[in-house]
C-alpha cells in the first residue's frame, strides 16, 4: 500500500503530501510497535527460561540436601 501511494506521488498524482506523510508515519509506527512487541516477547521468554533454571537448580539442591541427610 505504501509503495502504491509512493508511486502515485512520484508520478505527479493528485495525492496530497499530508496523506503520503501520514502513510509513512503510520508504517513507521507499526514497524516500531512490531519491533517493541518482539523485544518484549524475547524478554518474557528469557525471564521464563531463567526462572525455570533457578527452580530446577533449587530442586536439585533440595534433593541433594535430603540425600545427604
PDB file of N, CA and C in Angstrom:
ATOM      1  N   UNK A   1       0.821  -1.186   0.000  1.00  0.00           N
ATOM      2  CA  UNK A   1       0.000   0.000   0.000  1.00  0.00           C
ATOM      3  C   UNK A   1       0.865   1.249   0.000  1.00  0.00           C
ATOM      4  N   UNK A   2       1.873   1.264   0.833  1.00  0.00           N
ATOM      5  CA  UNK A   2       2.744   2.438   0.899  1.00  0.00           C
ATOM      6  C   UNK A   2       3.461   2.623  -0.425  1.00  0.00           C
ATOM      7  N   UNK A   3       3.836   1.509  -1.084  1.00  0.00           N
ATOM      8  CA  UNK A   3       4.524   1.616  -2.367  1.00  0.00           C
ATOM      9  C   UNK A   3       3.605   2.208  -3.423  1.00  0.00           C
ATOM     10  N   UNK A   4       2.319   1.833  -3.427  1.00  0.00           N
ATOM     11  CA  UNK A   4       1.401   2.394  -4.411  1.00  0.00           C
ATOM     12  C   UNK A   4       1.170   3.878  -4.148  1.00  0.00           C
ATOM     13  N   UNK A   5       1.079   4.249  -2.887  1.00  0.00           N
ATOM     14  CA  UNK A   5       0.934   5.666  -2.541  1.00  0.00           C
ATOM     15  C   UNK A   5       2.172   6.431  -2.977  1.00  0.00           C
ATOM     16  N   UNK A   6       3.339   5.852  -2.713  1.00  0.00           N
ATOM     17  CA  UNK A   6       4.603   6.489  -3.093  1.00  0.00           C
ATOM     18  C   UNK A   6       4.692   6.613  -4.616  1.00  0.00           C
ATOM     19  N   UNK A   7       4.256   5.577  -5.339  1.00  0.00           N
ATOM     20  CA  UNK A   7       4.290   5.613  -6.805  1.00  0.00           C
ATOM     21  C   UNK A   7       3.380   6.690  -7.356  1.00  0.00           C
ATOM     22  N   UNK A   8       2.189   6.845  -6.797  1.00  0.00           N
ATOM     23  CA  UNK A   8       1.276   7.894  -7.247  1.00  0.00           C
ATOM     24  C   UNK A   8       1.861   9.272  -6.986  1.00  0.00           C
ATOM     25  N   UNK A   9       2.501   9.431  -5.861  1.00  0.00           N
ATOM     26  CA  UNK A   9       3.089  10.729  -5.530  1.00  0.00           C
ATOM     27  C   UNK A   9       4.245  11.046  -6.471  1.00  0.00           C
ATOM     28  N   UNK A  10       5.050  10.031  -6.819  1.00  0.00           N
ATOM     29  CA  UNK A  10       6.187  10.262  -7.713  1.00  0.00           C
ATOM     30  C   UNK A  10       5.725  10.555  -9.139  1.00  0.00           C
ATOM     31  N   UNK A  11       4.603   9.963  -9.557  1.00  0.00           N
ATOM     32  CA  UNK A  11       4.102  10.195 -10.912  1.00  0.00           C
ATOM     33  C   UNK A  11       3.355  11.519 -11.018  1.00  0.00           C
ATOM     34  N   UNK A  12       3.288  12.247  -9.967  1.00  0.00           N
ATOM     35  CA  UNK A  12       2.600  13.536 -10.009  1.00  0.00           C
ATOM     36  C   UNK A  12       1.102  13.391  -9.845  1.00  0.00           C
ATOM     37  N   UNK A  13       0.687  12.365  -9.131  1.00  0.00           N
ATOM     38  CA  UNK A  13      -0.739  12.158  -8.887  1.00  0.00           C
ATOM     39  C   UNK A  13      -1.295  13.269  -8.007  1.00  0.00           C
ATOM     40  N   UNK A  14      -2.615  13.248  -7.852  1.00  0.00           N
ATOM     41  CA  UNK A  14      -3.261  14.309  -7.075  1.00  0.00           C
ATOM     42  C   UNK A  14      -3.335  13.959  -5.594  1.00  0.00           C
ATOM     43  N   UNK A  15      -2.375  13.202  -5.138  1.00  0.00           N
ATOM     44  CA  UNK A  15      -2.350  12.792  -3.740  1.00  0.00           C
ATOM     45  C   UNK A  15      -1.672  13.872  -2.907  1.00  0.00           C
ATOM     46  N   UNK A  16      -2.338  14.384  -1.897  1.00  0.00           N
ATOM     47  CA  UNK A  16      -1.705  15.430  -1.079  1.00  0.00           C
ATOM     48  C   UNK A  16      -0.490  14.892  -0.323  1.00  0.00           C
ATOM     49  N   UNK A  17       0.438  15.775  -0.086  1.00  0.00           N
ATOM     50  CA  UNK A  17       1.657  15.393   0.633  1.00  0.00           C
ATOM     51  C   UNK A  17       1.347  14.963   2.059  1.00  0.00           C
ATOM     52  N   UNK A  18       0.317  15.517   2.653  1.00  0.00           N
ATOM     53  CA  UNK A  18      -0.043  15.148   4.027  1.00  0.00           C
ATOM     54  C   UNK A  18      -0.460  13.681   4.111  1.00  0.00           C
ATOM     55  N   UNK A  19      -1.167  13.198   3.094  1.00  0.00           N
ATOM     56  CA  UNK A  19      -1.594  11.798   3.090  1.00  0.00           C
ATOM     57  C   UNK A  19      -0.379  10.892   2.978  1.00  0.00           C
ATOM     58  N   UNK A  20       0.569  11.278   2.135  1.00  0.00           N
ATOM     59  CA  UNK A  20       1.794  10.498   1.982  1.00  0.00           C
ATOM     60  C   UNK A  20       2.579  10.469   3.290  1.00  0.00           C
ATOM     61  N   UNK A  21       2.711  11.617   3.928  1.00  0.00           N
ATOM     62  CA  UNK A  21       3.426  11.680   5.207  1.00  0.00           C
ATOM     63  C   UNK A  21       2.715  10.844   6.264  1.00  0.00           C
ATOM     64  N   UNK A  22       1.393  10.891   6.270  1.00  0.00           N
ATOM     65  CA  UNK A  22       0.626  10.110   7.242  1.00  0.00           C
ATOM     66  C   UNK A  22       0.822   8.615   7.004  1.00  0.00           C
ATOM     67  N   UNK A  23       0.843   8.205   5.738  1.00  0.00           N
ATOM     68  CA  UNK A  23       1.041   6.789   5.426  1.00  0.00           C
ATOM     69  C   UNK A  23       2.423   6.325   5.865  1.00  0.00           C
ATOM     70  N   UNK A  24       3.434   7.140   5.602  1.00  0.00           N
ATOM     71  CA  UNK A  24       4.800   6.790   6.002  1.00  0.00           C
ATOM     72  C   UNK A  24       4.911   6.757   7.520  1.00  0.00           C
ATOM     73  N   UNK A  25       4.288   7.716   8.186  1.00  0.00           N
ATOM     74  CA  UNK A  25       4.320   7.766   9.647  1.00  0.00           C
ATOM     75  C   UNK A  25       3.600   6.564  10.257  1.00  0.00           C
ATOM     76  N   UNK A  26       2.449   6.203   9.690  1.00  0.00           N
ATOM     77  CA  UNK A  26       1.718   5.033  10.195  1.00  0.00           C
ATOM     78  C   UNK A  26       2.539   3.765  10.009  1.00  0.00           C
ATOM     79  N   UNK A  27       3.224   3.655   8.871  1.00  0.00           N
ATOM     80  CA  UNK A  27       4.069   2.487   8.628  1.00  0.00           C
ATOM     81  C   UNK A  27       5.216   2.442   9.633  1.00  0.00           C
ATOM     82  N   UNK A  28       5.820   3.586   9.918  1.00  0.00           N
ATOM     83  CA  UNK A  28       6.920   3.638  10.880  1.00  0.00           C
ATOM     84  C   UNK A  28       6.438   3.272  12.284  1.00  0.00           C
ATOM     85  N   UNK A  29       5.272   3.765  12.665  1.00  0.00           N
ATOM     86  CA  UNK A  29       4.716   3.453  13.985  1.00  0.00           C
ATOM     87  C   UNK A  29       4.397   1.964  14.085  1.00  0.00           C
ATOM     88  N   UNK A  30       3.846   1.402  13.008  1.00  0.00           N
ATOM     89  CA  UNK A  30       3.527  -0.026  13.001  1.00  0.00           C
ATOM     90  C   UNK A  30       4.791  -0.871  13.110  1.00  0.00           C
ATOM     91  N   UNK A  31       5.826  -0.496  12.360  1.00  0.00           N
ATOM     92  CA  UNK A  31       7.096  -1.228  12.438  1.00  0.00           C
ATOM     93  C   UNK A  31       7.695  -1.131  13.838  1.00  0.00           C
ATOM     94  N   UNK A  32       7.623   0.042  14.444  1.00  0.00           N
ATOM     95  CA  UNK A  32       8.146   0.236  15.799  1.00  0.00           C
ATOM     96  C   UNK A  32       7.356  -0.607  16.801  1.00  0.00           C
ATOM     97  N   UNK A  33       6.038  -0.670  16.633  1.00  0.00           N
ATOM     98  CA  UNK A  33       5.211  -1.470  17.537  1.00  0.00           C
ATOM     99  C   UNK A  33       5.554  -2.955  17.421  1.00  0.00           C
ATOM    100  N   UNK A  34       5.751  -3.429  16.188  1.00  0.00           N
ATOM    101  CA  UNK A  34       6.112  -4.833  15.983  1.00  0.00           C
ATOM    102  C   UNK A  34       7.471  -5.123  16.606  1.00  0.00           C
ATOM    103  N   UNK A  35       8.423  -4.206  16.426  1.00  0.00           N
ATOM    104  CA  UNK A  35       9.759  -4.382  16.994  1.00  0.00           C
ATOM    105  C   UNK A  35       9.706  -4.386  18.521  1.00  0.00           C
ATOM    106  N   UNK A  36       8.949  -3.459  19.098  1.00  0.00           N
ATOM    107  CA  UNK A  36       8.817  -3.412  20.561  1.00  0.00           C
ATOM    108  C   UNK A  36       8.154  -4.680  21.090  1.00  0.00           C
ATOM    109  N   UNK A  37       7.154  -5.183  20.374  1.00  0.00           N
ATOM    110  CA  UNK A  37       6.490  -6.421  20.791  1.00  0.00           C
ATOM    111  C   UNK A  37       7.461  -7.592  20.740  1.00  0.00           C
ATOM    112  N   UNK A  38       8.296  -7.637  19.700  1.00  0.00           N
ATOM    113  CA  UNK A  38       9.277  -8.718  19.589  1.00  0.00           C
ATOM    114  C   UNK A  38      10.287  -8.662  20.734  1.00  0.00           C
ATOM    115  N   UNK A  39      10.743  -7.461  21.060  1.00  0.00           N
ATOM    116  CA  UNK A  39      11.699  -7.300  22.159  1.00  0.00           C
ATOM    117  C   UNK A  39      11.049  -7.699  23.484  1.00  0.00           C
ATOM    118  N   UNK A  40       9.803  -7.300  23.681  1.00  0.00           N
ATOM    119  CA  UNK A  40       9.095  -7.647  24.914  1.00  0.00           C
ATOM    120  C   UNK A  40       8.885  -9.154  25.025  1.00  0.00           C
ATOM    121  N   UNK A  41       8.498  -9.784  23.913  1.00  0.00           N
ATOM    122  CA  UNK A  41       8.311 -11.242  23.921  1.00  0.00           C
ATOM    123  C   UNK A  41       9.631 -11.953  24.211  1.00  0.00           C
ATOM    124  N   UNK A  42      10.718 -11.451  23.651  1.00  0.00           N
ATOM    125  CA  UNK A  42      12.033 -12.039  23.903  1.00  0.00           C
ATOM    126  C   UNK A  42      12.408 -11.897  25.375  1.00  0.00           C
ATOM    127  N   UNK A  43      12.124 -10.743  25.961  1.00  0.00           N
ATOM    128  CA  UNK A  43      12.433 -10.525  27.374  1.00  0.00           C
ATOM    129  C   UNK A  43      11.614 -11.463  28.263  1.00  0.00           C
ATOM    130  N   UNK A  44      10.338 -11.639  27.946  1.00  0.00           N
ATOM    131  CA  UNK A  44       9.485 -12.540  28.727  1.00  0.00           C
ATOM    132  C   UNK A  44       9.979 -13.974  28.599  1.00  0.00           C
ATOM    133  N   UNK A  45      10.359 -14.366  27.382  1.00  0.00           N
ATOM    134  CA  UNK A  45      10.870 -15.721  27.167  1.00  0.00           C
ATOM    135  C   UNK A  45      12.166 -15.944  27.936  1.00  0.00           C
ATOM    136  N   UNK A  46      13.070 -14.967  27.890  1.00  0.00           N
ATOM    137  CA  UNK A  46      14.331 -15.083  28.635  1.00  0.00           C
ATOM    138  C   UNK A  46      14.071 -15.168  30.137  1.00  0.00           C
ATOM    139  N   UNK A  47      13.125 -14.388  30.626  1.00  0.00           N
ATOM    140  CA  UNK A  47      12.779 -14.420  32.051  1.00  0.00           C
ATOM    141  C   UNK A  47      12.202 -15.782  32.430  1.00  0.00           C
ATOM    142  N   UNK A  48      11.358 -16.344  31.567  1.00  0.00           N
ATOM    143  CA  UNK A  48      10.773 -17.658  31.845  1.00  0.00           C
ATOM    144  C   UNK A  48      11.852 -18.737  31.885  1.00  0.00           C
ATOM    145  N   UNK A  49      12.792 -18.682  30.948  1.00  0.00           N
ATOM    146  CA  UNK A  49      13.884 -19.662  30.927  1.00  0.00           C
ATOM    147  C   UNK A  49      14.734 -19.525  32.183  1.00  0.00           C
ATOM    148  N   UNK A  50      15.029 -18.285  32.567  1.00  0.00           N
ATOM    149  CA  UNK A  50      15.825 -18.051  33.767  1.00  0.00           C
ATOM    150  C   UNK A  50      15.106 -18.571  35.009  1.00  0.00           C
ATOM    151  N   UNK A  51      13.809 -18.326  35.102  1.00  0.00           N
ATOM    152  CA  UNK A  51      13.036 -18.826  36.248  1.00  0.00           C
ATOM    153  C   UNK A  51      13.038 -20.350  36.278  1.00  0.00           C
ATOM    154  N   UNK A  52      12.891 -20.983  35.111  1.00  0.00           N
ATOM    155  CA  UNK A  52      12.925 -22.455  35.063  1.00  0.00           C
ATOM    156  C   UNK A  52      14.280 -22.984  35.514  1.00  0.00           C
ATOM    157  N   UNK A  53      15.347 -22.329  35.095  1.00  0.00           N
ATOM    158  CA  UNK A  53      16.683 -22.760  35.513  1.00  0.00           C
ATOM    159  C   UNK A  53      16.867 -22.619  37.020  1.00  0.00           C
ATOM    160  N   UNK A  54      16.394 -21.511  37.574  1.00  0.00           N
ATOM    161  CA  UNK A  54      16.518 -21.288  39.018  1.00  0.00           C
ATOM    162  C   UNK A  54      15.716 -22.332  39.785  1.00  0.00           C
ATOM    163  N   UNK A  55      14.497 -22.611  39.321  1.00  0.00           N
ATOM    164  CA  UNK A  55      13.656 -23.597  40.009  1.00  0.00           C
ATOM    165  C   UNK A  55      14.275 -24.983  39.927  1.00  0.00           C
ATOM    166  N   UNK A  56      14.761 -25.362  38.745  1.00  0.00           N
ATOM    167  CA  UNK A  56      15.350 -26.701  38.612  1.00  0.00           C
ATOM    168  C   UNK A  56      16.619 -26.822  39.452  1.00  0.00           C
ATOM    169  N   UNK A  57      17.405 -25.754  39.526  1.00  0.00           N
ATOM    170  CA  UNK A  57      18.606 -25.782  40.357  1.00  0.00           C
ATOM    171  C   UNK A  57      18.231 -25.875  41.837  1.00  0.00           C
ATOM    172  N   UNK A  58      17.182 -25.163  42.237  1.00  0.00           N
ATOM    173  CA  UNK A  58      16.733 -25.228  43.630  1.00  0.00           C
ATOM    174  C   UNK A  58      16.245 -26.626  43.980  1.00  0.00           C
ATOM    175  N   UNK A  59      15.509 -27.253  43.071  1.00  0.00           N
ATOM    176  CA  UNK A  59      15.036 -28.619  43.307  1.00  0.00           C
ATOM    177  C   UNK A  59      16.223 -29.563  43.431  1.00  0.00           C
ATOM    178  N   UNK A  60      17.225 -29.381  42.580  1.00  0.00           N
ATOM    179  CA  UNK A  60      18.424 -30.213  42.645  1.00  0.00           C
ATOM    180  C   UNK A  60      19.133 -30.042  43.987  1.00  0.00           C
ATOM    181  N   UNK A  61      19.241 -28.802  44.463  1.00  0.00           N
ATOM    182  CA  UNK A  61      19.890 -28.559  45.750  1.00  0.00           C
ATOM    183  C   UNK A  61      19.112 -29.189  46.898  1.00  0.00           C
ATOM    184  N   UNK A  62      17.789 -29.091  46.858  1.00  0.00           N
ATOM    185  CA  UNK A  62      16.968 -29.686  47.915  1.00  0.00           C
ATOM    186  C   UNK A  62      17.111 -31.202  47.903  1.00  0.00           C
ATOM    187  N   UNK A  63      17.080 -31.809  46.719  1.00  0.00           N
ATOM    188  CA  UNK A  63      17.253 -33.266  46.627  1.00  0.00           C
ATOM    189  C   UNK A  63      18.628 -33.682  47.134  1.00  0.00           C
ATOM    190  N   UNK A  64      19.643 -32.912  46.791  1.00  0.00           N
ATOM    191  CA  UNK A  64      20.992 -33.230  47.262  1.00  0.00           C
ATOM    192  C   UNK A  64      21.079 -33.121  48.776  1.00  0.00           C
ATOM    193  N   UNK A  65      20.445 -32.114  49.334  1.00  0.00           N
ATOM    194  CA  UNK A  65      20.459 -31.920  50.779  1.00  0.00           C
ATOM    195  C   UNK A  65      19.738 -33.066  51.482  1.00  0.00           C
ATOM    196  N   UNK A  66      18.586 -33.463  50.938  1.00  0.00           N
ATOM    197  CA  UNK A  66      17.826 -34.565  51.543  1.00  0.00           C
ATOM    198  C   UNK A  66      18.614 -35.865  51.445  1.00  0.00           C
ATOM    199  N   UNK A  67      19.260 -36.092  50.321  1.00  0.00           N
ATOM    200  CA  UNK A  67      20.068 -37.298  50.148  1.00  0.00           C
ATOM    201  C   UNK A  67      21.252 -37.294  51.106  1.00  0.00           C
ATOM    202  N   UNK A  68      21.838 -36.139  51.343  1.00  0.00           N
ATOM    203  CA  UNK A  68      22.990 -36.016  52.239  1.00  0.00           C
ATOM    204  C   UNK A  68      22.600 -36.345  53.668  1.00  0.00           C
ATOM    205  N   UNK A  69      21.392 -35.927  54.055  1.00  0.00           N
ATOM    206  CA  UNK A  69      20.916 -36.166  55.426  1.00  0.00           C
ATOM    207  C   UNK A  69      20.582 -37.629  55.550  1.00  0.00           C
TER     208      UNK A  69
END
